[in-house]
Amino acid sequence: MAELSKRATVYFEPSIHHALRVKAANTQQSISQVVNEAVQLALREDEEDLSAFEERVAEPTLSYEALLKNLKAHGKL
């Protein structure tokens, strides 16, 4: 059985709300559908970022100061 939708109140700047209304009308979706898709996309991107961090956790780190020193030593700065 499909999970019931939850209701939330979200306040948008007037220009953002207008853009959402226009996009919803142009794509024949509700504003809720447009917002849900945007949130899902943002959450998927977060999940991908976290996975990338986990994959690279064993890589050596380089401080900002060391990076600048290295760039200067190689004539990049």
Protein backbone atom coordinates (compact mmCIF):
# COMPACT_ATOMS: atom_id res chain seq x y z
CA MET A 1 0.00 0.00 0.00
CA ALA A 2 1.35 3.44 -0.91
CA GLU A 3 2.39 5.68 1.95
CA LEU A 4 0.14 8.68 2.51
CA SER A 5 1.59 12.09 1.75
CA LYS A 6 2.49 14.37 4.65
CA ARG A 7 1.52 17.99 4.72
CA ALA A 8 4.02 20.76 5.50
CA THR A 9 3.96 24.52 5.31
CA VAL A 10 6.82 25.99 3.33
CA TYR A 11 7.31 29.71 2.79
CA PHE A 12 8.82 30.78 -0.55
CA GLU A 13 10.04 34.16 -1.68
CA PRO A 14 7.45 35.58 -4.08
CA SER A 15 9.72 35.21 -7.12
CA ILE A 16 10.48 31.56 -6.27
CA HIS A 17 6.79 30.83 -5.77
CA HIS A 18 6.01 32.42 -9.13
CA ALA A 19 8.70 30.34 -10.83
CA LEU A 20 7.31 27.19 -9.20
CA ARG A 21 3.80 28.00 -10.39
CA VAL A 22 5.03 28.60 -13.94
CA LYS A 23 7.12 25.40 -13.97
CA ALA A 24 4.24 23.37 -12.55
CA ALA A 25 1.88 24.70 -15.20
CA ASN A 26 4.36 24.14 -18.03
CA THR A 27 5.07 20.56 -16.93
CA GLN A 28 1.44 19.81 -16.06
CA GLN A 29 2.38 18.99 -12.47
CA SER A 30 1.35 20.38 -9.12
CA ILE A 31 3.69 22.62 -7.16
CA SER A 32 3.97 19.76 -4.65
CA GLN A 33 5.19 17.40 -7.37
CA VAL A 34 7.80 19.91 -8.57
CA VAL A 35 9.04 20.53 -5.01
CA ASN A 36 9.08 16.79 -4.19
CA GLU A 37 11.20 16.08 -7.29
CA ALA A 38 13.62 18.89 -6.40
CA VAL A 39 14.00 17.65 -2.82
CA GLN A 40 14.50 14.06 -3.98
CA LEU A 41 17.21 15.21 -6.39
CA ALA A 42 18.96 17.18 -3.65
CA LEU A 43 18.85 14.20 -1.29
CA ARG A 44 20.23 11.86 -3.99
CA GLU A 45 23.09 14.31 -4.61
CA ASP A 46 23.82 14.37 -0.87
CA GLU A 47 23.87 10.58 -0.82
CA GLU A 48 26.30 10.52 -3.77
CA ASP A 49 28.54 13.07 -2.04
CA LEU A 50 28.59 11.03 1.16
CA SER A 51 29.46 7.89 -0.80
CA ALA A 52 32.32 9.72 -2.52
CA PHE A 53 33.65 10.90 0.86
CA GLU A 54 33.51 7.34 2.19
CA GLU A 55 35.39 6.03 -0.86
CA ARG A 56 38.15 8.61 -0.41
CA VAL A 57 38.49 8.50 3.39
CA ALA A 58 41.84 6.68 3.18
CA GLU A 59 43.39 9.22 0.80
CA PRO A 60 46.06 11.48 2.27
CA THR A 61 45.01 15.01 3.12
CA LEU A 62 46.81 18.19 2.12
CA SER A 63 46.51 21.39 4.10
CA TYR A 64 45.71 24.62 2.33
CA GLU A 65 49.11 26.00 3.28
CA ALA A 66 50.86 22.94 1.82
CA LEU A 67 48.81 23.26 -1.36
CA LEU A 68 49.85 26.90 -1.78
CA LYS A 69 53.49 26.01 -1.11
CA ASN A 70 53.34 23.23 -3.69
CA LEU A 71 51.73 25.51 -6.29
CA LYS A 72 54.37 28.17 -5.66
CA ALA A 73 57.20 25.62 -5.90
CA HIS A 74 55.91 24.53 -9.30
CA GLY A 75 55.51 28.08 -10.63
CA LYS A 76 51.73 28.03 -10.58
CA LEU A 77 51.51 31.05 -8.23
